[in-house]
Amino acid sequence: MIKGKRVALTELRRADSPLLFEWINDPETVRFNAAYAPVHEPVHENWFETISRDASRVAFALRDAESSQLVGILQLTDFHQIHRSVQLIIRIGRESDRGRGYGGEAVRLAAQYAFRDRNVQRLWLTVFGDNARAMRAYEKAGLKVEGVLRRAYYIDGRWRDGVIMAALADEAGELHGHG
């Protein structure tokens, strides 16, 4: 477990699967970072069973640090052995848990883990350009905007820009102390 002030990054537990299944099938939640399509139960069950055996990713449950209630999921995916880079994907499940600092702190903790424990040089993510709340959280966590992918995603009937944000290992000192 990696514990911060508000959030703890833990292993996924079998009891988390039903809530994760609910979130992946909630169009409003999914549209924060992907096009919506229903995920059928056998597909979800297969994903849940295989995620822990996938060497190209590390998945964390995001839990409230005090109550241990599941608030989201964070994945570090596509570890590149030569370039020492990894992509971060995060989802906060319930609207009531968004804007409470969980995401920013989880990103900061995951970046520290990636740099310290996985010898990653570059951690990056893509966020929709109109998701100002998420961009502020990522900036507060120490990531910097690197570029814009114009009209890169067709989500909910409209084109959206993708903003690439990243943090580098030698900037990791900047990731400490931000809350």
N, C-alpha and C. Protein backbone atom coordinates (compact mmCIF):
# COMPACT_ATOMS: atom_id res chain seq x y z
N MET A 1 0.84 -1.18 0.00
CA MET A 1 0.00 0.00 0.00
C MET A 1 0.89 1.24 0.00
N ILE A 2 0.48 2.21 -0.81
CA ILE A 2 1.16 3.50 -0.85
C ILE A 2 0.14 4.52 -0.33
N LYS A 3 0.43 5.12 0.80
CA LYS A 3 -0.57 5.95 1.46
C LYS A 3 -0.18 7.42 1.45
N GLY A 4 -1.15 8.25 1.11
CA GLY A 4 -1.00 9.69 1.17
C GLY A 4 -1.92 10.24 2.24
N LYS A 5 -2.18 11.53 2.20
CA LYS A 5 -3.06 12.16 3.18
C LYS A 5 -4.53 11.81 2.93
N ARG A 6 -4.94 11.84 1.66
CA ARG A 6 -6.35 11.61 1.31
C ARG A 6 -6.61 10.24 0.71
N VAL A 7 -5.61 9.70 0.01
CA VAL A 7 -5.82 8.50 -0.79
C VAL A 7 -4.74 7.47 -0.49
N ALA A 8 -5.14 6.20 -0.63
CA ALA A 8 -4.18 5.10 -0.55
C ALA A 8 -4.27 4.33 -1.86
N LEU A 9 -3.11 4.00 -2.42
CA LEU A 9 -3.04 3.15 -3.61
C LEU A 9 -2.82 1.72 -3.10
N THR A 10 -3.76 0.84 -3.41
CA THR A 10 -3.68 -0.53 -2.94
C THR A 10 -3.86 -1.50 -4.10
N GLU A 11 -3.79 -2.77 -3.79
CA GLU A 11 -4.09 -3.81 -4.75
C GLU A 11 -5.59 -3.79 -5.05
N LEU A 12 -5.94 -4.31 -6.21
CA LEU A 12 -7.35 -4.53 -6.52
C LEU A 12 -7.81 -5.78 -5.77
N ARG A 13 -9.03 -5.75 -5.29
CA ARG A 13 -9.60 -6.87 -4.56
C ARG A 13 -10.83 -7.38 -5.28
N ARG A 14 -11.09 -8.67 -5.14
CA ARG A 14 -12.26 -9.25 -5.79
C ARG A 14 -13.51 -8.44 -5.49
N ALA A 15 -13.65 -7.94 -4.29
CA ALA A 15 -14.83 -7.16 -3.90
C ALA A 15 -14.93 -5.84 -4.67
N ASP A 16 -13.84 -5.39 -5.30
CA ASP A 16 -13.86 -4.15 -6.08
C ASP A 16 -14.51 -4.34 -7.45
N SER A 17 -14.53 -5.58 -7.94
CA SER A 17 -14.97 -5.84 -9.30
C SER A 17 -16.38 -5.34 -9.62
N PRO A 18 -17.39 -5.56 -8.78
CA PRO A 18 -18.73 -5.08 -9.13
C PRO A 18 -18.80 -3.55 -9.29
N LEU A 19 -18.11 -2.82 -8.44
CA LEU A 19 -18.14 -1.35 -8.55
C LEU A 19 -17.38 -0.89 -9.80
N LEU A 20 -16.25 -1.51 -10.09
CA LEU A 20 -15.52 -1.18 -11.32
C LEU A 20 -16.37 -1.48 -12.55
N PHE A 21 -17.12 -2.57 -12.51
CA PHE A 21 -18.02 -2.93 -13.60
C PHE A 21 -19.11 -1.87 -13.76
N GLU A 22 -19.63 -1.38 -12.65
CA GLU A 22 -20.64 -0.32 -12.69
C GLU A 22 -20.05 0.95 -13.32
N TRP A 23 -18.85 1.34 -12.90
CA TRP A 23 -18.23 2.57 -13.40
C TRP A 23 -17.93 2.48 -14.89
N ILE A 24 -17.44 1.34 -15.36
CA ILE A 24 -17.06 1.22 -16.78
C ILE A 24 -18.30 1.21 -17.67
N ASN A 25 -19.45 1.00 -17.08
CA ASN A 25 -20.70 1.03 -17.85
C ASN A 25 -21.52 2.28 -17.59
N ASP A 26 -20.94 3.27 -16.93
CA ASP A 26 -21.60 4.56 -16.72
C ASP A 26 -21.08 5.53 -17.78
N PRO A 27 -21.92 5.88 -18.78
CA PRO A 27 -21.44 6.73 -19.87
C PRO A 27 -20.82 8.04 -19.40
N GLU A 28 -21.40 8.68 -18.40
CA GLU A 28 -20.87 9.97 -17.94
C GLU A 28 -19.48 9.83 -17.32
N THR A 29 -19.24 8.75 -16.62
CA THR A 29 -17.92 8.51 -16.03
C THR A 29 -16.90 8.17 -17.10
N VAL A 30 -17.26 7.30 -18.03
CA VAL A 30 -16.34 6.86 -19.08
C VAL A 30 -15.94 8.03 -19.97
N ARG A 31 -16.88 8.91 -20.27
CA ARG A 31 -16.60 10.00 -21.21
C ARG A 31 -15.60 11.03 -20.70
N PHE A 32 -15.14 10.89 -19.47
CA PHE A 32 -14.06 11.76 -19.00
C PHE A 32 -12.74 11.43 -19.69
N ASN A 33 -12.62 10.17 -20.20
CA ASN A 33 -11.36 9.84 -20.85
C ASN A 33 -11.47 8.84 -22.00
N ALA A 34 -12.69 8.54 -22.44
CA ALA A 34 -12.82 7.59 -23.56
C ALA A 34 -14.22 7.68 -24.16
N ALA A 35 -14.34 7.12 -25.34
CA ALA A 35 -15.67 6.98 -25.94
C ALA A 35 -16.41 5.88 -25.20
N TYR A 36 -17.70 6.06 -25.02
CA TYR A 36 -18.48 5.07 -24.29
C TYR A 36 -18.92 3.94 -25.21
N ALA A 37 -18.80 2.73 -24.71
CA ALA A 37 -19.39 1.54 -25.31
C ALA A 37 -19.64 0.60 -24.14
N PRO A 38 -20.76 -0.10 -24.12
CA PRO A 38 -21.03 -1.00 -23.00
C PRO A 38 -19.97 -2.10 -22.92
N VAL A 39 -19.59 -2.42 -21.70
CA VAL A 39 -18.66 -3.52 -21.45
C VAL A 39 -19.49 -4.64 -20.83
N HIS A 40 -19.49 -5.78 -21.50
CA HIS A 40 -20.31 -6.90 -21.03
C HIS A 40 -19.59 -7.65 -19.91
N GLU A 41 -20.37 -8.24 -19.04
CA GLU A 41 -19.83 -8.86 -17.83
C GLU A 41 -18.70 -9.85 -18.10
N PRO A 42 -18.80 -10.74 -19.08
CA PRO A 42 -17.67 -11.67 -19.32
C PRO A 42 -16.38 -10.94 -19.73
N VAL A 43 -16.50 -9.86 -20.47
CA VAL A 43 -15.33 -9.08 -20.86
C VAL A 43 -14.71 -8.43 -19.63
N HIS A 44 -15.55 -7.86 -18.79
CA HIS A 44 -15.05 -7.24 -17.55
C HIS A 44 -14.39 -8.29 -16.66
N GLU A 45 -15.02 -9.44 -16.50
CA GLU A 45 -14.45 -10.49 -15.64
C GLU A 45 -13.10 -10.95 -16.16
N ASN A 46 -12.96 -11.08 -17.48
CA ASN A 46 -11.68 -11.46 -18.07
C ASN A 46 -10.62 -10.39 -17.81
N TRP A 47 -10.99 -9.12 -18.00
CA TRP A 47 -10.05 -8.02 -17.71
C TRP A 47 -9.61 -8.08 -16.26
N PHE A 48 -10.57 -8.24 -15.36
CA PHE A 48 -10.25 -8.25 -13.93
C PHE A 48 -9.32 -9.42 -13.58
N GLU A 49 -9.57 -10.57 -14.18
CA GLU A 49 -8.74 -11.75 -13.90
C GLU A 49 -7.33 -11.63 -14.46
N THR A 50 -7.17 -10.96 -15.59
CA THR A 50 -5.86 -10.93 -16.25
C THR A 50 -5.02 -9.70 -15.90
N ILE A 51 -5.60 -8.67 -15.34
CA ILE A 51 -4.85 -7.43 -15.11
C ILE A 51 -3.65 -7.64 -14.20
N SER A 52 -3.78 -8.49 -13.21
CA SER A 52 -2.66 -8.71 -12.29
C SER A 52 -1.53 -9.52 -12.91
N ARG A 53 -1.81 -10.22 -14.02
CA ARG A 53 -0.77 -11.02 -14.68
C ARG A 53 -0.14 -10.31 -15.86
N ASP A 54 -0.58 -9.11 -16.15
CA ASP A 54 -0.09 -8.35 -17.31
C ASP A 54 1.17 -7.58 -16.91
N ALA A 55 2.32 -8.03 -17.39
CA ALA A 55 3.60 -7.41 -17.01
C ALA A 55 3.76 -6.01 -17.58
N SER A 56 2.93 -5.63 -18.54
CA SER A 56 3.06 -4.31 -19.15
C SER A 56 2.28 -3.24 -18.38
N ARG A 57 1.66 -3.61 -17.26
CA ARG A 57 0.89 -2.63 -16.49
C ARG A 57 0.90 -2.96 -15.01
N VAL A 58 0.67 -1.91 -14.22
CA VAL A 58 0.45 -2.03 -12.79
C VAL A 58 -0.86 -1.31 -12.51
N ALA A 59 -1.77 -1.99 -11.85
CA ALA A 59 -3.07 -1.40 -11.53
C ALA A 59 -3.18 -1.20 -10.02
N PHE A 60 -3.67 -0.04 -9.64
CA PHE A 60 -3.91 0.27 -8.24
C PHE A 60 -5.39 0.61 -8.04
N ALA A 61 -5.93 0.16 -6.93
CA ALA A 61 -7.22 0.68 -6.47
C ALA A 61 -6.93 1.98 -5.74
N LEU A 62 -7.74 3.00 -5.96
CA LEU A 62 -7.64 4.25 -5.21
C LEU A 62 -8.68 4.17 -4.10
N ARG A 63 -8.21 4.29 -2.87
CA ARG A 63 -9.10 4.20 -1.73
C ARG A 63 -8.97 5.44 -0.86
N ASP A 64 -10.07 5.83 -0.26
CA ASP A 64 -10.03 6.90 0.73
C ASP A 64 -9.09 6.43 1.84
N ALA A 65 -8.13 7.27 2.21
CA ALA A 65 -7.10 6.87 3.17
C ALA A 65 -7.68 6.53 4.54
N GLU A 66 -8.79 7.14 4.92
CA GLU A 66 -9.37 6.88 6.24
C GLU A 66 -10.36 5.72 6.22
N SER A 67 -11.27 5.72 5.26
CA SER A 67 -12.35 4.71 5.25
C SER A 67 -12.01 3.46 4.45
N SER A 68 -11.00 3.51 3.61
CA SER A 68 -10.62 2.44 2.69
C SER A 68 -11.66 2.19 1.60
N GLN A 69 -12.64 3.10 1.47
CA GLN A 69 -13.67 2.97 0.43
C GLN A 69 -13.03 3.19 -0.94
N LEU A 70 -13.40 2.36 -1.91
CA LEU A 70 -12.91 2.48 -3.27
C LEU A 70 -13.44 3.76 -3.90
N VAL A 71 -12.54 4.60 -4.41
CA VAL A 71 -12.96 5.85 -5.07
C VAL A 71 -12.53 5.90 -6.53
N GLY A 72 -11.62 5.00 -6.94
CA GLY A 72 -11.17 5.04 -8.32
C GLY A 72 -10.17 3.94 -8.62
N ILE A 73 -9.63 4.03 -9.82
CA ILE A 73 -8.62 3.08 -10.28
C ILE A 73 -7.54 3.86 -11.02
N LEU A 74 -6.31 3.46 -10.87
CA LEU A 74 -5.18 4.08 -11.55
C LEU A 74 -4.34 2.96 -12.15
N GLN A 75 -3.98 3.14 -13.42
CA GLN A 75 -3.14 2.14 -14.09
C GLN A 75 -1.90 2.82 -14.67
N LEU A 76 -0.78 2.16 -14.50
CA LEU A 76 0.44 2.52 -15.19
C LEU A 76 0.58 1.46 -16.27
N THR A 77 0.56 1.87 -17.52
CA THR A 77 0.46 0.91 -18.60
C THR A 77 1.50 1.18 -19.69
N ASP A 78 1.77 0.18 -20.46
CA ASP A 78 2.72 0.26 -21.57
C ASP A 78 4.12 0.68 -21.10
N PHE A 79 4.61 -0.01 -20.08
CA PHE A 79 6.00 0.23 -19.65
C PHE A 79 6.91 -0.05 -20.83
N HIS A 80 7.73 0.91 -21.19
CA HIS A 80 8.66 0.73 -22.30
C HIS A 80 10.06 0.55 -21.72
N GLN A 81 10.64 -0.62 -21.94
CA GLN A 81 11.91 -0.97 -21.33
C GLN A 81 13.09 -0.14 -21.86
N ILE A 82 13.07 0.20 -23.12
CA ILE A 82 14.18 0.97 -23.69
C ILE A 82 14.07 2.44 -23.32
N HIS A 83 12.90 3.02 -23.54
CA HIS A 83 12.72 4.46 -23.31
C HIS A 83 12.40 4.78 -21.85
N ARG A 84 12.11 3.74 -21.06
CA ARG A 84 11.79 3.88 -19.64
C ARG A 84 10.64 4.88 -19.44
N SER A 85 9.58 4.68 -20.19
CA SER A 85 8.41 5.53 -20.07
C SER A 85 7.19 4.67 -19.71
N VAL A 86 6.18 5.33 -19.18
CA VAL A 86 4.94 4.66 -18.82
C VAL A 86 3.79 5.64 -18.95
N GLN A 87 2.65 5.13 -19.38
CA GLN A 87 1.45 5.95 -19.48
C GLN A 87 0.60 5.74 -18.23
N LEU A 88 0.02 6.82 -17.74
CA LEU A 88 -0.86 6.77 -16.58
C LEU A 88 -2.30 6.97 -17.04
N ILE A 89 -3.19 6.14 -16.53
CA ILE A 89 -4.62 6.26 -16.78
C ILE A 89 -5.31 6.24 -15.42
N ILE A 90 -6.20 7.18 -15.20
CA ILE A 90 -6.87 7.27 -13.90
C ILE A 90 -8.36 7.52 -14.11
N ARG A 91 -9.15 6.95 -13.24
CA ARG A 91 -10.60 7.20 -13.27
C ARG A 91 -11.09 7.28 -11.83
N ILE A 92 -11.76 8.38 -11.51
CA ILE A 92 -12.47 8.52 -10.23
C ILE A 92 -13.92 8.16 -10.53
N GLY A 93 -14.46 7.20 -9.81
CA GLY A 93 -15.74 6.60 -10.18
C GLY A 93 -16.98 7.45 -9.96
N ARG A 94 -17.13 8.01 -8.79
CA ARG A 94 -18.36 8.74 -8.47
C ARG A 94 -18.13 10.24 -8.57
N GLU A 95 -19.11 10.94 -9.09
CA GLU A 95 -19.03 12.41 -9.18
C GLU A 95 -18.76 13.02 -7.80
N SER A 96 -19.34 12.46 -6.76
CA SER A 96 -19.17 13.01 -5.41
C SER A 96 -17.72 12.89 -4.92
N ASP A 97 -16.93 12.03 -5.54
CA ASP A 97 -15.52 11.88 -5.15
C ASP A 97 -14.57 12.71 -6.01
N ARG A 98 -15.09 13.32 -7.06
CA ARG A 98 -14.26 14.16 -7.92
C ARG A 98 -14.12 15.55 -7.31
N GLY A 99 -12.97 16.17 -7.54
CA GLY A 99 -12.73 17.50 -7.01
C GLY A 99 -12.39 17.53 -5.53
N ARG A 100 -12.07 16.38 -4.97
CA ARG A 100 -11.75 16.29 -3.55
C ARG A 100 -10.26 16.06 -3.29
N GLY A 101 -9.45 16.08 -4.36
CA GLY A 101 -8.01 15.92 -4.20
C GLY A 101 -7.51 14.50 -4.34
N TYR A 102 -8.41 13.53 -4.50
CA TYR A 102 -7.98 12.14 -4.65
C TYR A 102 -7.11 11.95 -5.89
N GLY A 103 -7.57 12.46 -7.01
CA GLY A 103 -6.88 12.22 -8.28
C GLY A 103 -5.49 12.81 -8.30
N GLY A 104 -5.37 14.07 -7.92
CA GLY A 104 -4.06 14.72 -7.93
C GLY A 104 -3.07 14.03 -7.02
N GLU A 105 -3.52 13.67 -5.83
CA GLU A 105 -2.62 12.99 -4.90
C GLU A 105 -2.26 11.60 -5.42
N ALA A 106 -3.22 10.90 -6.00
CA ALA A 106 -2.95 9.57 -6.54
C ALA A 106 -1.92 9.64 -7.67
N VAL A 107 -2.04 10.65 -8.54
CA VAL A 107 -1.09 10.81 -9.63
C VAL A 107 0.31 11.08 -9.07
N ARG A 108 0.40 11.94 -8.07
CA ARG A 108 1.70 12.25 -7.46
C ARG A 108 2.31 10.98 -6.84
N LEU A 109 1.51 10.22 -6.11
CA LEU A 109 2.01 9.00 -5.49
C LEU A 109 2.43 7.97 -6.55
N ALA A 110 1.64 7.85 -7.61
CA ALA A 110 1.97 6.90 -8.68
C ALA A 110 3.25 7.31 -9.40
N ALA A 111 3.44 8.62 -9.60
CA ALA A 111 4.67 9.10 -10.24
C ALA A 111 5.88 8.78 -9.36
N GLN A 112 5.77 9.02 -8.07
CA GLN A 112 6.87 8.69 -7.17
C GLN A 112 7.19 7.20 -7.23
N TYR A 113 6.16 6.36 -7.24
CA TYR A 113 6.34 4.91 -7.35
C TYR A 113 7.04 4.55 -8.66
N ALA A 114 6.58 5.12 -9.77
CA ALA A 114 7.15 4.79 -11.08
C ALA A 114 8.63 5.17 -11.15
N PHE A 115 8.98 6.34 -10.64
CA PHE A 115 10.36 6.79 -10.69
C PHE A 115 11.25 6.00 -9.73
N ARG A 116 10.76 5.78 -8.52
CA ARG A 116 11.57 5.16 -7.47
C ARG A 116 11.63 3.64 -7.60
N ASP A 117 10.48 3.01 -7.82
CA ASP A 117 10.42 1.55 -7.77
C ASP A 117 10.46 0.86 -9.12
N ARG A 118 10.14 1.56 -10.18
CA ARG A 118 10.12 0.94 -11.51
C ARG A 118 11.18 1.53 -12.45
N ASN A 119 11.99 2.45 -11.96
CA ASN A 119 13.09 3.05 -12.72
C ASN A 119 12.60 3.68 -14.03
N VAL A 120 11.44 4.32 -13.97
CA VAL A 120 10.88 5.00 -15.13
C VAL A 120 11.52 6.37 -15.25
N GLN A 121 11.76 6.82 -16.46
CA GLN A 121 12.31 8.15 -16.74
C GLN A 121 11.20 9.16 -17.01
N ARG A 122 10.11 8.70 -17.67
CA ARG A 122 9.05 9.62 -18.10
C ARG A 122 7.68 8.99 -17.85
N LEU A 123 6.83 9.71 -17.14
CA LEU A 123 5.45 9.31 -16.91
C LEU A 123 4.57 10.31 -17.64
N TRP A 124 3.63 9.80 -18.45
CA TRP A 124 2.82 10.71 -19.25
C TRP A 124 1.36 10.26 -19.26
N LEU A 125 0.51 11.19 -19.64
CA LEU A 125 -0.91 10.90 -19.77
C LEU A 125 -1.51 11.82 -20.82
N THR A 126 -2.70 11.48 -21.24
CA THR A 126 -3.48 12.33 -22.14
C THR A 126 -4.76 12.71 -21.41
N VAL A 127 -5.11 13.98 -21.49
CA VAL A 127 -6.34 14.49 -20.88
C VAL A 127 -7.07 15.32 -21.93
N PHE A 128 -8.39 15.29 -21.90
CA PHE A 128 -9.14 16.13 -22.84
C PHE A 128 -8.88 17.60 -22.53
N GLY A 129 -8.68 18.39 -23.58
CA GLY A 129 -8.35 19.80 -23.42
C GLY A 129 -9.41 20.61 -22.72
N ASP A 130 -10.65 20.15 -22.70
CA ASP A 130 -11.71 20.89 -22.03
C ASP A 130 -11.96 20.39 -20.60
N ASN A 131 -11.10 19.52 -20.11
CA ASN A 131 -11.24 19.01 -18.74
C ASN A 131 -10.31 19.80 -17.82
N ALA A 132 -10.69 21.04 -17.57
CA ALA A 132 -9.84 21.96 -16.80
C ALA A 132 -9.58 21.45 -15.38
N ARG A 133 -10.57 20.83 -14.78
CA ARG A 133 -10.41 20.33 -13.40
C ARG A 133 -9.30 19.28 -13.35
N ALA A 134 -9.31 18.34 -14.29
CA ALA A 134 -8.28 17.30 -14.31
C ALA A 134 -6.91 17.90 -14.62
N MET A 135 -6.86 18.83 -15.56
CA MET A 135 -5.57 19.44 -15.91
C MET A 135 -4.97 20.17 -14.71
N ARG A 136 -5.80 20.87 -13.95
CA ARG A 136 -5.30 21.55 -12.74
C ARG A 136 -4.75 20.53 -11.75
N ALA A 137 -5.46 19.41 -11.57
CA ALA A 137 -4.99 18.38 -10.65
C ALA A 137 -3.65 17.80 -11.10
N TYR A 138 -3.52 17.55 -12.40
CA TYR A 138 -2.27 16.99 -12.91
C TYR A 138 -1.12 17.99 -12.77
N GLU A 139 -1.39 19.27 -13.05
CA GLU A 139 -0.36 20.29 -12.87
C GLU A 139 0.06 20.39 -11.41
N LYS A 140 -0.91 20.35 -10.51
CA LYS A 140 -0.61 20.39 -9.08
C LYS A 140 0.21 19.18 -8.66
N ALA A 141 0.00 18.05 -9.35
CA ALA A 141 0.75 16.84 -9.06
C ALA A 141 2.15 16.87 -9.66
N GLY A 142 2.47 17.90 -10.46
CA GLY A 142 3.82 18.06 -10.99
C GLY A 142 3.98 17.76 -12.47
N LEU A 143 2.90 17.44 -13.17
CA LEU A 143 3.00 17.19 -14.61
C LEU A 143 2.96 18.51 -15.37
N LYS A 144 3.58 18.51 -16.53
CA LYS A 144 3.63 19.71 -17.37
C LYS A 144 3.02 19.40 -18.74
N VAL A 145 2.39 20.40 -19.32
CA VAL A 145 1.82 20.25 -20.66
C VAL A 145 2.96 20.15 -21.66
N GLU A 146 2.89 19.14 -22.53
CA GLU A 146 3.90 18.97 -23.57
C GLU A 146 3.38 19.28 -24.96
N GLY A 147 2.09 19.13 -25.16
CA GLY A 147 1.55 19.39 -26.48
C GLY A 147 0.06 19.09 -26.56
N VAL A 148 -0.50 19.43 -27.71
CA VAL A 148 -1.93 19.25 -27.95
C VAL A 148 -2.12 18.40 -29.20
N LEU A 149 -2.96 17.41 -29.09
CA LEU A 149 -3.39 16.61 -30.23
C LEU A 149 -4.75 17.17 -30.65
N ARG A 150 -4.74 17.99 -31.69
CA ARG A 150 -5.97 18.67 -32.09
C ARG A 150 -6.99 17.71 -32.67
N ARG A 151 -8.24 17.86 -32.23
CA ARG A 151 -9.36 17.03 -32.68
C ARG A 151 -9.00 15.55 -32.77
N ALA A 152 -8.37 15.05 -31.74
CA ALA A 152 -7.87 13.68 -31.74
C ALA A 152 -8.91 12.65 -31.30
N TYR A 153 -9.97 13.11 -30.63
CA TYR A 153 -10.94 12.17 -30.07
C TYR A 153 -12.35 12.60 -30.41
N TYR A 154 -13.15 11.64 -30.82
CA TYR A 154 -14.57 11.89 -31.10
C TYR A 154 -15.36 11.27 -29.95
N ILE A 155 -15.83 12.11 -29.06
CA ILE A 155 -16.49 11.68 -27.84
C ILE A 155 -17.84 12.36 -27.72
N ASP A 156 -18.87 11.57 -27.53
CA ASP A 156 -20.21 12.09 -27.26
C ASP A 156 -20.67 13.08 -28.33
N GLY A 157 -20.39 12.74 -29.58
CA GLY A 157 -20.90 13.53 -30.69
C GLY A 157 -20.10 14.76 -31.07
N ARG A 158 -18.89 14.91 -30.51
CA ARG A 158 -18.07 16.08 -30.88
C ARG A 158 -16.58 15.74 -30.78
N TRP A 159 -15.80 16.52 -31.53
CA TRP A 159 -14.34 16.36 -31.53
C TRP A 159 -13.75 17.07 -30.33
N ARG A 160 -12.75 16.42 -29.73
CA ARG A 160 -12.08 17.00 -28.57
C ARG A 160 -10.57 16.90 -28.76
N ASP A 161 -9.88 17.92 -28.27
CA ASP A 161 -8.42 17.90 -28.28
C ASP A 161 -7.92 17.03 -27.13
N GLY A 162 -6.77 16.42 -27.35
CA GLY A 162 -6.07 15.71 -26.29
C GLY A 162 -4.84 16.50 -25.91
N VAL A 163 -4.62 16.67 -24.63
CA VAL A 163 -3.44 17.38 -24.13
C VAL A 163 -2.51 16.34 -23.51
N ILE A 164 -1.28 16.31 -24.00
CA ILE A 164 -0.26 15.41 -23.45
C ILE A 164 0.42 16.13 -22.30
N MET A 165 0.44 15.47 -21.15
CA MET A 165 1.12 16.01 -19.97
C MET A 165 2.09 14.95 -19.47
N ALA A 166 3.20 15.39 -18.88
CA ALA A 166 4.20 14.43 -18.42
C ALA A 166 5.03 14.99 -17.28
N ALA A 167 5.66 14.07 -16.57
CA ALA A 167 6.67 14.41 -15.56
C ALA A 167 7.89 13.55 -15.85
N LEU A 168 9.06 14.09 -15.58
CA LEU A 168 10.32 13.38 -15.80
C LEU A 168 10.96 13.05 -14.45
N ALA A 169 11.73 11.97 -14.43
CA ALA A 169 12.34 11.51 -13.19
C ALA A 169 13.20 12.58 -12.54
N ASP A 170 13.95 13.34 -13.33
CA ASP A 170 14.82 14.35 -12.73
C ASP A 170 14.03 15.56 -12.23
N GLU A 171 12.74 15.58 -12.48
CA GLU A 171 11.86 16.60 -11.92
C GLU A 171 11.13 16.08 -10.67
N ALA A 172 11.45 14.83 -10.29
CA ALA A 172 10.69 14.17 -9.23
C ALA A 172 10.70 14.93 -7.92
N GLY A 173 11.75 15.69 -7.67
CA GLY A 173 11.78 16.51 -6.47
C GLY A 173 10.63 17.49 -6.40
N GLU A 174 10.16 17.92 -7.58
CA GLU A 174 9.03 18.83 -7.65
C GLU A 174 7.73 18.14 -7.28
N LEU A 175 7.71 16.80 -7.28
CA LEU A 175 6.50 16.07 -6.98
C LEU A 175 6.28 15.90 -5.48
N HIS A 176 7.27 16.22 -4.67
CA HIS A 176 7.13 16.08 -3.23
C HIS A 176 6.54 17.34 -2.63
N GLY A 177 5.72 17.16 -1.64
CA GLY A 177 5.21 18.29 -0.89
C GLY A 177 4.00 18.96 -1.47
N HIS A 178 3.56 18.58 -2.68
CA HIS A 178 2.33 19.15 -3.23
C HIS A 178 1.17 18.35 -2.70
N GLY A 179 0.10 19.02 -2.32
CA GLY A 179 -1.00 18.26 -1.76
C GLY A 179 -2.21 18.41 -2.52
